[in-house]
Each structure stands twice: as C-alpha cells, then as structure tokens.
Amino acid sequence: MSPLKSKFRDTIQQLFVPDVTELPPRRHDLDWLRVLAFGLLILFHSGMFYVENWGFHAKSQYRSETLESVMLLIQPWRMAILWVIAGIAIKFILAKITAARFIYQRSLRILIPLLFGILVVVPPQLYVEMTQNNDLSMDFWTFMQEFYNPNTQVFDKYSSGIWPHVDVNHLWFLRSLWKYSLVILLLAPLLNTTLVTRATNWLMNRHITVIVLTFSLPLFTFSLTLEGDDTRYAVGFTCMLYGYLIGWHANFWHRVTALRIPLLITLIACASIVITFYNMVWLNPEGKPEWISAIGLMIYNIMRITGIFCAFGFGYHYLNKPSARLNYLNEAVYPFYMLHQTLIIVIGYHLTAHSLGPIVEPTLVIFLTTIGCFALFELIKRIDVLRFLFGLKMKKRYRKSITFIGRFISAVAMLVIGLEIIF
C-alpha cells in the first residue's frame, strides 16, 4: 500500500475512534449490572407466564393482575439499562479496534447466535404457543419438519420475524443490537466531535433533575407518538446513544454515585405513581382524558431514566471490582439469555397441566429454568462448536483448512441473515 493510501486509511479510521485520553479502566460494575439485568429476565419472563393482561407466548392456569403491579417496579428500566450498557461497550470497543474489525466481530458474535437461536432455540416456544391455542395437533418432531418446510401453511396465522413463520421472539434484542451497532458506528464521527463532547459536558454539569428530564423527554415523545414495537425500538436505540455519550464521563459517574440514595427515593416515588396510574387509568382508560394518561407516561419515562441512574450509582459504589464469579457469569450471560425463555415456556406449559398450585408451580418454573440454564451452559462451554453458536470465543486452535471452511460458512450465514435484517 502506498504511503498516500495508508495515510488516507488511517485518517478515515481516526474518525471512528473516540478520544482515548479519556479512556477509563475496565468497568467491572458494568459487567455486574449486565449480569444482574439479564438475570432479571428469568424472573420477569417467568412473571409473564402468570400475568393476566400482558401478552405472552403461553400462559399458566394461575394468573394474577396483582403481579403486574409488582413487575412494574422493574419494567420501565430493565431493558433500557442493557441498551445504555451496550452503548458504553461500543465506545470501549471502538477505542481498541478498527471499524472493519468492529463490523466483523459484532456480526460474528451477534448474527451467528441469532441465526442458530431462531432456527433451533426459539421453535419450541412456537410449538407450545400453537398447541396451547389449539392451532396444532402434532408431535414436536413433526412440527419441526413443518417448521423447516418453506412451503408449509401450518403457520399462516402466526407472525413472521425474519422469514415467514420464523420469528425472533425474545431474540429481538440481538437483531436490534446488531442494527443499532452499525448505526452507532456510522454516527461515531459525529458523536466524537468536539461540539457533541462540549454539549454532553455542559449537560453533565447541570443539576441531576435537568439531566433526568432531558434524557426522559425523547423517550416520553416516543411513548406518545409511536405504538407497539416501534416504541420499544426507538427507546432502545436512544438509550444506546445515551450510553455512548455518557459512558466515559467521570463527572456523571461520581454524581450518580453520590446521589444514589436520593435517586432510589425518587425511583420508589415514581414507581408508586406509575403503579397507581396503571391500575386506575391504563387498565380502565374509558372516560379518562388523554392528558391524564400523558402525565403517567411522562412519570413512567422519568422512572426509566431514574432507574438506570440509580443502578449505575449503586453499581459504581459497590460493584466496581473484579472477581472469579464475575468472570464465570459474564461468559454465562449470552447462553442464559438465549435459552431462558424457551425453558420457561416449555417447563411452565408442562407443569401447569398438573395443577400444582399458584405457589409451587411458579417456584418450580423459576428453579428448573435456572438449573436448566446452568446445566446447559456447563455443556455449551465445553464444546467449541456450541461455544461458537452461542456467541462465546472458541478455545481451541484448528488447522488452516478447517478455519477457512468455518469462516466461509460463517460469512455466508452472516450475509444471508444480515441482508434480511437490513432489507
């Protein structure tokens, strides 16, 4: 490569690299919060099997409207914090590798598990859903043959996610994470500019109330103007942007740590208001003015941001230290995330048929799902092919011929699903 081309390439690459003079050390608290947030998914999605008014792929015979109020304690911020952490992580990654390497690693780590997940991990959820809805009368293995048949009409009533009747279910997070990662990469030259840095610095020096309201307002706007999944996706991408902007801002972390108790009190107050709105307005909206619901939505989004800041404050204060347990759980997060909902639905579906009661059944669902995730992870981490399919680094080194074949197959798979997601 000529010196001119090399200089041009380096200049372009520098546009995507954040200012590494501000690069903080490894943030173990963020690793812990990521583990804990994904751990909440087991409890939350177990709860989805039992709530009365929220849609899910399958339901227990024991349903509770009261449980919805309990789950609202974490519902506003449980996914938002994962998006913010993902944005922070992207900034760390771009400080260390090239943009091209970022695209390759991101695609390999996300698209391969996503493809494996929608073709192997997710189908049992659809089988249970269709069976419980009396839309299916066949055994699971016959169902799987139909599932892989592109010309089947068995699934005409059910939505598609990536291909006809092939839905992403809970793996929507991976699909969106990949897309948003590419968008953040494209925006990185703008996000790294002095202008954006100064604007972020200015905001981070305001009163914490101003910061919370500023971050809440776009999310509130989405809640008012968008519906269904569109709201979820807009909130996710915006929170990812927030993470990229605030991740290295030392003043932000010191302030949320110092204010963790006031943030917790505010979070509890917001949760009380949101739960009240849910039961008095949102469950029975007839005859209620729209402005009342709008107030509730604003409090909901303030609670979302306050919950993130509160978790960050406590995490930075108590969890920013390495441990062998964290290393284990960090590796387990991805397989747990991919497997947990399928285990919940399959286990819950079979248990609820035995009328075990509203205490024994959910206890067993949570216990067996957790044990199942740990057991399957212990298997996955010992087999290189499974490690690869579940987004973990392979441990062994293979011959060049095998490596070439593996990379070629992976590239084709990533291209197929990547183009489908984009277009």
Protein backbone atom coordinates (compact mmCIF):
# COMPACT_ATOMS: atom_id res chain seq x y z
CA MET A 1 0.00 0.00 0.00
CA SER A 2 1.32 3.43 -0.94
CA PRO A 3 2.05 5.99 1.81
CA LEU A 4 -0.78 8.19 0.49
CA LYS A 5 -3.35 5.38 0.64
CA SER A 6 -2.12 4.34 4.06
CA LYS A 7 -2.42 7.90 5.38
CA PHE A 8 -5.93 8.22 3.92
CA ARG A 9 -6.99 4.94 5.52
CA ASP A 10 -5.60 5.99 8.90
CA THR A 11 -7.34 9.36 8.65
CA ILE A 12 -10.69 7.70 7.94
CA GLN A 13 -10.16 5.22 10.77
CA GLN A 14 -9.46 8.02 13.24
CA LEU A 15 -12.94 9.41 12.61
CA PHE A 16 -14.41 6.35 14.34
CA VAL A 17 -12.05 6.36 17.32
CA PRO A 18 -13.15 8.24 20.46
CA ASP A 19 -10.66 10.35 22.39
CA VAL A 20 -8.62 7.65 24.13
CA THR A 21 -7.11 10.18 26.54
CA GLU A 22 -10.42 9.85 28.40
CA LEU A 23 -10.41 6.03 28.25
CA PRO A 24 -11.30 4.74 31.75
CA PRO A 25 -10.06 1.42 33.17
CA ARG A 26 -12.11 -1.76 32.96
CA ARG A 27 -15.54 -1.16 34.47
CA HIS A 28 -16.40 -4.26 36.49
CA ASP A 29 -19.56 -2.61 37.82
CA LEU A 30 -20.98 -2.50 34.31
CA ASP A 31 -20.21 -6.19 33.87
CA TRP A 32 -22.02 -6.92 37.14
CA LEU A 33 -25.01 -4.78 36.18
CA ARG A 34 -25.21 -6.53 32.81
CA VAL A 35 -25.21 -9.91 34.55
CA LEU A 36 -27.84 -8.79 37.06
CA ALA A 37 -30.04 -7.20 34.39
CA PHE A 38 -30.02 -10.38 32.31
CA GLY A 39 -30.68 -12.33 35.50
CA LEU A 40 -33.82 -10.25 35.99
CA LEU A 41 -35.04 -11.55 32.63
CA ILE A 42 -35.57 -15.01 34.12
CA LEU A 43 -37.76 -13.55 36.86
CA PHE A 44 -39.53 -11.13 34.53
CA HIS A 45 -40.31 -13.64 31.81
CA SER A 46 -41.37 -16.17 34.42
CA GLY A 47 -43.76 -13.49 35.61
CA MET A 48 -45.03 -13.02 32.05
CA PHE A 49 -46.23 -16.62 32.18
CA TYR A 50 -48.56 -15.62 35.06
CA VAL A 51 -49.76 -12.06 34.47
CA GLU A 52 -53.36 -11.56 33.41
CA ASN A 53 -53.28 -8.68 30.94
CA TRP A 54 -49.89 -8.78 29.25
CA GLY A 55 -49.46 -10.90 26.14
CA PHE A 56 -47.04 -13.83 26.14
CA HIS A 57 -46.48 -16.96 24.07
CA ALA A 58 -48.05 -19.22 26.69
CA LYS A 59 -49.90 -18.80 29.97
CA SER A 60 -50.33 -20.66 33.22
CA GLN A 61 -53.75 -21.59 34.54
CA TYR A 62 -52.82 -19.42 37.55
CA ARG A 63 -52.92 -15.77 36.51
CA SER A 64 -52.63 -12.62 38.55
CA GLU A 65 -53.39 -8.98 37.88
CA THR A 66 -51.62 -8.01 41.10
CA LEU A 67 -48.37 -9.46 39.78
CA GLU A 68 -48.42 -6.84 37.03
CA SER A 69 -48.02 -4.08 39.65
CA VAL A 70 -45.01 -5.90 41.13
CA MET A 71 -43.40 -6.29 37.73
CA LEU A 72 -43.86 -2.59 37.03
CA LEU A 73 -41.13 -1.97 39.61
CA ILE A 74 -38.57 -3.08 37.02
CA GLN A 75 -40.43 -2.98 33.70
CA PRO A 76 -39.59 0.66 32.77
CA TRP A 77 -35.82 0.32 33.11
CA ARG A 78 -34.93 -3.39 32.87
CA MET A 79 -34.18 -3.34 29.12
CA ALA A 80 -33.21 0.31 28.92
CA ILE A 81 -30.20 -0.25 31.18
CA LEU A 82 -28.98 -3.02 28.88
CA TRP A 83 -29.16 -0.65 25.92
CA VAL A 84 -27.20 2.02 27.79
CA ILE A 85 -24.55 -0.52 28.80
CA ALA A 86 -24.38 -1.71 25.17
CA GLY A 87 -23.70 1.87 24.05
CA ILE A 88 -20.93 2.24 26.63
CA ALA A 89 -19.41 -1.05 25.49
CA ILE A 90 -19.33 0.08 21.85
CA LYS A 91 -17.26 3.12 22.79
CA PHE A 92 -14.76 0.90 24.62
CA ILE A 93 -14.55 -1.42 21.61
CA LEU A 94 -14.06 1.35 19.04
CA ALA A 95 -11.18 2.69 21.10
CA LYS A 96 -9.32 -0.59 20.60
CA ILE A 97 -10.12 -1.98 17.14
CA THR A 98 -10.70 -0.71 13.60
CA ALA A 99 -14.16 -0.04 12.20
CA ALA A 100 -13.85 -3.00 9.82
CA ARG A 101 -12.84 -5.29 12.66
CA PHE A 102 -15.74 -3.97 14.71
CA ILE A 103 -18.25 -4.88 11.99
CA TYR A 104 -16.78 -8.38 11.61
CA GLN A 105 -16.62 -9.15 15.34
CA ARG A 106 -20.06 -7.68 16.01
CA SER A 107 -21.60 -9.67 13.17
CA LEU A 108 -19.91 -12.90 14.19
CA ARG A 109 -20.90 -12.56 17.84
CA ILE A 110 -24.49 -11.50 17.19
CA LEU A 111 -25.69 -12.84 13.83
CA ILE A 112 -24.49 -16.43 14.22
CA PRO A 113 -26.20 -16.88 17.65
CA LEU A 114 -29.29 -15.12 16.28
CA LEU A 115 -29.50 -17.47 13.30
CA PHE A 116 -28.95 -20.52 15.49
CA GLY A 117 -31.44 -19.19 18.01
CA ILE A 118 -34.32 -18.61 15.61
CA LEU A 119 -33.79 -21.98 13.91
CA VAL A 120 -33.15 -24.15 16.98
CA VAL A 121 -33.78 -22.42 20.32
CA VAL A 122 -36.98 -20.48 19.56
CA PRO A 123 -39.15 -23.11 17.74
CA PRO A 124 -40.21 -24.92 20.96
CA GLN A 125 -41.82 -21.66 22.09
CA LEU A 126 -43.92 -21.57 18.92
CA TYR A 127 -44.83 -25.23 19.36
CA VAL A 128 -46.12 -24.62 22.89
CA GLU A 129 -47.94 -21.44 21.84
CA MET A 130 -49.73 -23.12 18.93
CA THR A 131 -50.53 -26.22 20.97
CA GLN A 132 -52.00 -24.19 23.84
CA ASN A 133 -54.05 -22.16 21.34
CA ASN A 134 -55.39 -25.41 19.84
CA ASP A 135 -53.87 -24.48 16.47
CA LEU A 136 -51.65 -27.55 16.35
CA SER A 137 -52.22 -31.27 16.74
CA MET A 138 -48.91 -32.97 16.04
CA ASP A 139 -45.88 -34.11 17.99
CA PHE A 140 -42.84 -31.87 18.29
CA TRP A 141 -40.69 -33.68 15.72
CA THR A 142 -43.42 -33.49 13.09
CA PHE A 143 -43.79 -29.83 13.96
CA MET A 144 -40.06 -29.26 13.38
CA GLN A 145 -40.30 -30.84 9.93
CA GLU A 146 -43.10 -28.41 9.11
CA PHE A 147 -41.11 -25.55 10.62
CA TYR A 148 -38.23 -26.13 8.20
CA ASN A 149 -40.61 -26.51 5.25
CA PRO A 150 -40.73 -23.15 3.39
CA ASN A 151 -43.99 -24.08 1.65
CA THR A 152 -45.96 -25.09 4.72
CA GLN A 153 -49.29 -23.45 5.55
CA VAL A 154 -49.36 -24.60 9.17
CA PHE A 155 -48.17 -21.22 10.45
CA ASP A 156 -50.31 -18.85 8.36
CA LYS A 157 -51.96 -17.36 11.46
CA TYR A 158 -48.63 -16.58 13.13
CA SER A 159 -46.39 -13.60 12.52
CA SER A 160 -43.03 -13.72 10.84
CA GLY A 161 -39.94 -12.08 12.25
CA ILE A 162 -37.13 -12.61 9.78
CA TRP A 163 -38.58 -15.17 7.38
CA PRO A 164 -42.16 -16.43 7.02
CA HIS A 165 -43.20 -18.09 10.32
CA VAL A 166 -39.62 -17.76 11.63
CA ASP A 167 -39.96 -15.23 14.44
CA VAL A 168 -37.21 -13.83 16.63
CA ASN A 169 -39.34 -13.89 19.81
CA HIS A 170 -37.16 -12.77 22.74
CA LEU A 171 -34.11 -12.65 20.45
CA TRP A 172 -35.39 -9.35 19.03
CA PHE A 173 -32.74 -7.77 21.26
CA LEU A 174 -29.95 -9.40 19.21
CA ARG A 175 -31.47 -8.34 15.91
CA SER A 176 -31.79 -4.75 17.08
CA LEU A 177 -28.39 -4.77 18.79
CA TRP A 178 -26.69 -5.65 15.52
CA LYS A 179 -28.54 -2.98 13.54
CA TYR A 180 -28.02 -0.29 16.14
CA SER A 181 -24.33 -1.16 16.45
CA LEU A 182 -23.87 -0.41 12.76
CA VAL A 183 -25.81 2.84 13.04
CA ILE A 184 -23.74 3.93 16.07
CA LEU A 185 -20.60 3.15 14.05
CA LEU A 186 -21.83 5.37 11.22
CA LEU A 187 -22.64 8.12 13.71
CA ALA A 188 -19.33 7.78 15.58
CA PRO A 189 -17.53 10.53 13.57
CA LEU A 190 -20.31 12.92 14.66
CA LEU A 191 -20.56 11.62 18.23
CA ASN A 192 -16.79 12.02 18.65
CA THR A 193 -16.74 15.67 17.58
CA THR A 194 -15.77 18.47 19.91
CA LEU A 195 -19.23 20.01 19.54
CA VAL A 196 -21.04 16.91 20.80
CA THR A 197 -18.46 16.45 23.56
CA ARG A 198 -18.95 20.03 24.75
CA ALA A 199 -22.74 19.67 24.67
CA THR A 200 -22.50 16.47 26.71
CA ASN A 201 -20.11 18.10 29.18
CA TRP A 202 -22.48 21.05 29.56
CA LEU A 203 -25.44 18.77 30.29
CA MET A 204 -23.48 16.60 32.72
CA ASN A 205 -22.66 19.72 34.75
CA ARG A 206 -26.34 20.65 35.21
CA HIS A 207 -28.48 19.64 38.18
CA ILE A 208 -29.33 15.93 38.16
CA THR A 209 -33.02 16.82 37.71
CA VAL A 210 -32.19 18.60 34.44
CA ILE A 211 -30.23 15.58 33.22
CA VAL A 212 -33.04 13.17 34.08
CA LEU A 213 -35.68 15.32 32.40
CA THR A 214 -33.50 15.89 29.31
CA PHE A 215 -32.96 12.16 28.89
CA SER A 216 -36.61 11.37 29.63
CA LEU A 217 -38.18 13.80 27.16
CA PRO A 218 -37.28 11.96 23.91
CA LEU A 219 -38.47 8.67 25.42
CA PHE A 220 -41.72 10.32 26.51
CA THR A 221 -42.18 11.64 22.97
CA PHE A 222 -41.77 8.14 21.56
CA SER A 223 -44.35 6.82 24.05
CA LEU A 224 -46.85 9.44 22.86
CA THR A 225 -46.28 9.23 19.13
CA LEU A 226 -45.34 5.60 18.45
CA GLU A 227 -47.08 2.30 19.11
CA GLY A 228 -46.09 -1.25 19.99
CA ASP A 229 -42.66 -2.44 18.88
CA ASP A 230 -41.85 0.91 17.26
CA THR A 231 -41.73 2.48 20.72
CA ARG A 232 -39.52 -0.29 22.05
CA TYR A 233 -37.04 0.04 19.19
CA ALA A 234 -36.87 3.86 19.37
CA VAL A 235 -36.30 3.76 23.13
CA GLY A 236 -33.61 1.09 22.74
CA PHE A 237 -31.61 2.98 20.13
CA THR A 238 -31.88 6.27 22.04
CA CYS A 239 -30.66 4.63 25.26
CA MET A 240 -27.77 3.13 23.31
CA LEU A 241 -26.84 6.64 22.17
CA TYR A 242 -27.03 7.84 25.77
CA GLY A 243 -24.61 5.10 26.77
CA TYR A 244 -22.08 6.08 24.11
CA LEU A 245 -22.22 9.72 25.21
CA ILE A 246 -22.05 9.34 28.99
CA GLY A 247 -20.01 6.14 29.34
CA TRP A 248 -16.65 7.83 29.86
CA HIS A 249 -17.92 10.94 31.60
CA ALA A 250 -16.26 10.78 35.03
CA ASN A 251 -18.39 13.58 36.47
CA PHE A 252 -21.58 11.67 35.63
CA TRP A 253 -20.46 8.55 37.48
CA HIS A 254 -19.33 10.48 40.55
CA ARG A 255 -22.63 12.35 40.69
CA VAL A 256 -24.96 9.35 40.35
CA THR A 257 -22.86 7.57 42.98
CA ALA A 258 -23.11 10.49 45.39
CA LEU A 259 -26.85 10.82 44.70
CA ARG A 260 -27.71 7.12 44.74
CA ILE A 261 -29.95 7.42 47.83
CA PRO A 262 -31.98 10.41 46.50
CA LEU A 263 -32.22 8.58 43.16
CA LEU A 264 -33.54 5.50 44.93
CA ILE A 265 -36.15 7.55 46.79
CA THR A 266 -37.18 9.20 43.52
CA LEU A 267 -37.39 5.79 41.85
CA ILE A 268 -39.67 4.46 44.58
CA ALA A 269 -41.87 7.57 44.35
CA CYS A 270 -42.12 7.25 40.56
CA ALA A 271 -42.90 3.54 40.85
CA SER A 272 -45.75 4.28 43.25
CA ILE A 273 -47.22 6.81 40.82
CA VAL A 274 -46.79 4.53 37.80
CA ILE A 275 -48.46 1.59 39.57
CA THR A 276 -51.33 3.86 40.60
CA PHE A 277 -51.75 5.11 37.03
CA TYR A 278 -51.61 1.57 35.72
CA ASN A 279 -54.41 0.32 37.95
CA MET A 280 -56.62 3.43 37.86
CA VAL A 281 -56.08 4.74 34.34
CA TRP A 282 -54.32 2.40 31.94
CA LEU A 283 -56.28 -0.75 32.84
CA ASN A 284 -59.56 1.18 32.52
CA PRO A 285 -58.96 4.07 30.09
CA GLU A 286 -62.63 4.60 29.20
CA GLY A 287 -63.76 8.11 30.05
CA LYS A 288 -60.29 9.27 31.14
CA PRO A 289 -58.86 12.41 29.44
CA GLU A 290 -55.78 11.78 27.31
CA TRP A 291 -53.74 14.34 29.26
CA ILE A 292 -54.03 12.19 32.39
CA SER A 293 -52.52 9.22 30.56
CA ALA A 294 -49.80 11.51 29.17
CA ILE A 295 -48.80 12.54 32.70
CA GLY A 296 -48.49 8.87 33.61
CA LEU A 297 -46.31 8.21 30.56
CA MET A 298 -44.00 11.08 31.49
CA ILE A 299 -43.59 9.70 35.03
CA TYR A 300 -43.02 6.25 33.51
CA ASN A 301 -40.11 7.55 31.43
CA ILE A 302 -38.69 9.58 34.30
CA MET A 303 -38.77 6.32 36.27
CA ARG A 304 -36.96 4.62 33.37
CA ILE A 305 -34.04 7.07 33.47
CA THR A 306 -34.02 7.30 37.26
CA GLY A 307 -33.87 3.51 37.50
CA ILE A 308 -30.83 3.42 35.20
CA PHE A 309 -29.04 6.20 37.10
CA CYS A 310 -29.87 4.61 40.45
CA ALA A 311 -28.50 1.22 39.35
CA PHE A 312 -25.38 2.92 37.99
CA GLY A 313 -24.84 4.79 41.26
CA PHE A 314 -25.11 1.71 43.47
CA GLY A 315 -23.17 -0.40 41.00
CA TYR A 316 -20.28 2.06 40.72
CA HIS A 317 -20.10 2.33 44.51
CA TYR A 318 -20.32 -1.37 45.41
CA LEU A 319 -19.55 -3.50 42.36
CA ASN A 320 -16.57 -1.98 40.57
CA LYS A 321 -14.17 -4.78 41.42
CA PRO A 322 -13.11 -7.99 39.67
CA SER A 323 -13.95 -11.49 40.85
CA ALA A 324 -13.73 -15.06 39.59
CA ARG A 325 -17.51 -15.35 39.95
CA LEU A 326 -17.99 -12.36 37.66
CA ASN A 327 -15.76 -13.95 35.02
CA TYR A 328 -17.91 -17.08 35.10
CA LEU A 329 -21.23 -15.21 34.98
CA ASN A 330 -20.02 -12.85 32.27
CA GLU A 331 -19.47 -15.80 29.98
CA ALA A 332 -22.77 -17.39 31.02
CA VAL A 333 -24.89 -14.31 30.21
CA TYR A 334 -25.23 -14.94 26.48
CA PRO A 335 -26.30 -18.61 26.71
CA PHE A 336 -28.63 -17.77 29.61
CA TYR A 337 -30.26 -15.03 27.59
CA MET A 338 -30.75 -17.25 24.55
CA LEU A 339 -32.09 -20.24 26.47
CA HIS A 340 -34.11 -18.90 29.39
CA GLN A 341 -37.41 -18.02 27.70
CA THR A 342 -37.67 -21.32 25.86
CA LEU A 343 -37.06 -23.17 29.13
CA ILE A 344 -39.66 -21.06 30.96
CA ILE A 345 -42.33 -21.69 28.34
CA VAL A 346 -41.66 -25.41 27.90
CA ILE A 347 -41.30 -26.10 31.64
CA GLY A 348 -44.26 -23.89 32.55
CA TYR A 349 -46.50 -25.44 29.91
CA HIS A 350 -45.88 -28.97 31.19
CA LEU A 351 -46.10 -28.02 34.87
CA THR A 352 -49.35 -26.08 34.62
CA ALA A 353 -51.10 -29.17 33.29
CA HIS A 354 -50.57 -30.84 36.71
CA SER A 355 -52.42 -28.21 38.80
CA LEU A 356 -49.63 -27.78 41.33
CA GLY A 357 -50.98 -24.51 42.69
CA PRO A 358 -50.07 -20.80 42.38
CA ILE A 359 -47.07 -21.07 44.73
CA VAL A 360 -45.48 -24.42 43.90
CA GLU A 361 -45.77 -24.04 40.13
CA PRO A 362 -44.02 -20.66 39.68
CA THR A 363 -41.38 -21.66 42.23
CA LEU A 364 -40.61 -24.76 40.20
CA VAL A 365 -40.63 -22.83 36.93
CA ILE A 366 -38.01 -20.37 38.21
CA PHE A 367 -35.93 -23.08 39.92
CA LEU A 368 -35.95 -25.53 36.99
CA THR A 369 -35.29 -22.77 34.45
CA THR A 370 -32.28 -21.54 36.43
CA ILE A 371 -30.92 -25.06 36.89
CA GLY A 372 -31.54 -25.78 33.21
CA CYS A 373 -29.63 -22.65 32.14
CA PHE A 374 -26.66 -23.53 34.34
CA ALA A 375 -26.64 -27.16 33.19
CA LEU A 376 -26.82 -26.25 29.51
CA PHE A 377 -24.16 -23.57 29.94
CA GLU A 378 -21.82 -26.14 31.51
CA LEU A 379 -22.33 -28.26 28.38
CA ILE A 380 -22.00 -25.33 25.97
CA LYS A 381 -18.75 -24.01 27.41
CA ARG A 382 -17.07 -27.40 26.99
CA ILE A 383 -17.87 -27.88 23.28
CA ASP A 384 -16.27 -25.47 20.85
CA VAL A 385 -19.00 -25.68 18.20
CA LEU A 386 -21.64 -24.84 20.82
CA ARG A 387 -19.48 -22.02 22.17
CA PHE A 388 -19.39 -20.55 18.67
CA LEU A 389 -23.15 -20.92 18.15
CA PHE A 390 -23.88 -19.23 21.49
CA GLY A 391 -21.58 -16.26 20.89
CA LEU A 392 -18.61 -17.37 23.00
CA LYS A 393 -14.97 -17.45 21.93
CA MET A 394 -13.72 -20.84 20.81
CA LYS A 395 -10.89 -22.24 22.93
CA LYS A 396 -9.00 -24.50 20.53
CA ARG A 397 -6.85 -23.61 17.53
CA TYR A 398 -7.72 -25.51 14.36
CA ARG A 399 -5.89 -26.28 11.13
CA LYS A 400 -5.92 -23.58 8.49
CA SER A 401 -8.15 -25.62 6.19
CA ILE A 402 -10.78 -26.12 8.89
CA THR A 403 -10.55 -22.48 9.92
CA PHE A 404 -11.03 -21.36 6.30
CA ILE A 405 -14.09 -23.56 5.84
CA GLY A 406 -15.56 -22.34 9.12
CA ARG A 407 -15.01 -18.70 8.22
CA PHE A 408 -16.51 -19.19 4.77
CA ILE A 409 -19.66 -20.84 6.12
CA SER A 410 -19.93 -18.16 8.81
CA ALA A 411 -19.55 -15.38 6.25
CA VAL A 412 -22.32 -16.83 4.09
CA ALA A 413 -24.62 -17.25 7.10
CA MET A 414 -23.94 -13.71 8.32
CA LEU A 415 -24.51 -12.30 4.85
CA VAL A 416 -27.84 -14.10 4.44
CA ILE A 417 -29.34 -13.07 7.77
CA GLY A 418 -27.68 -9.64 7.77
CA LEU A 419 -29.18 -8.68 4.41
CA GLU A 420 -32.56 -9.99 5.54
CA ILE A 421 -32.45 -7.83 8.66
CA ILE A 422 -31.37 -4.69 6.79
CA PHE A 423 -33.72 -5.01 3.86
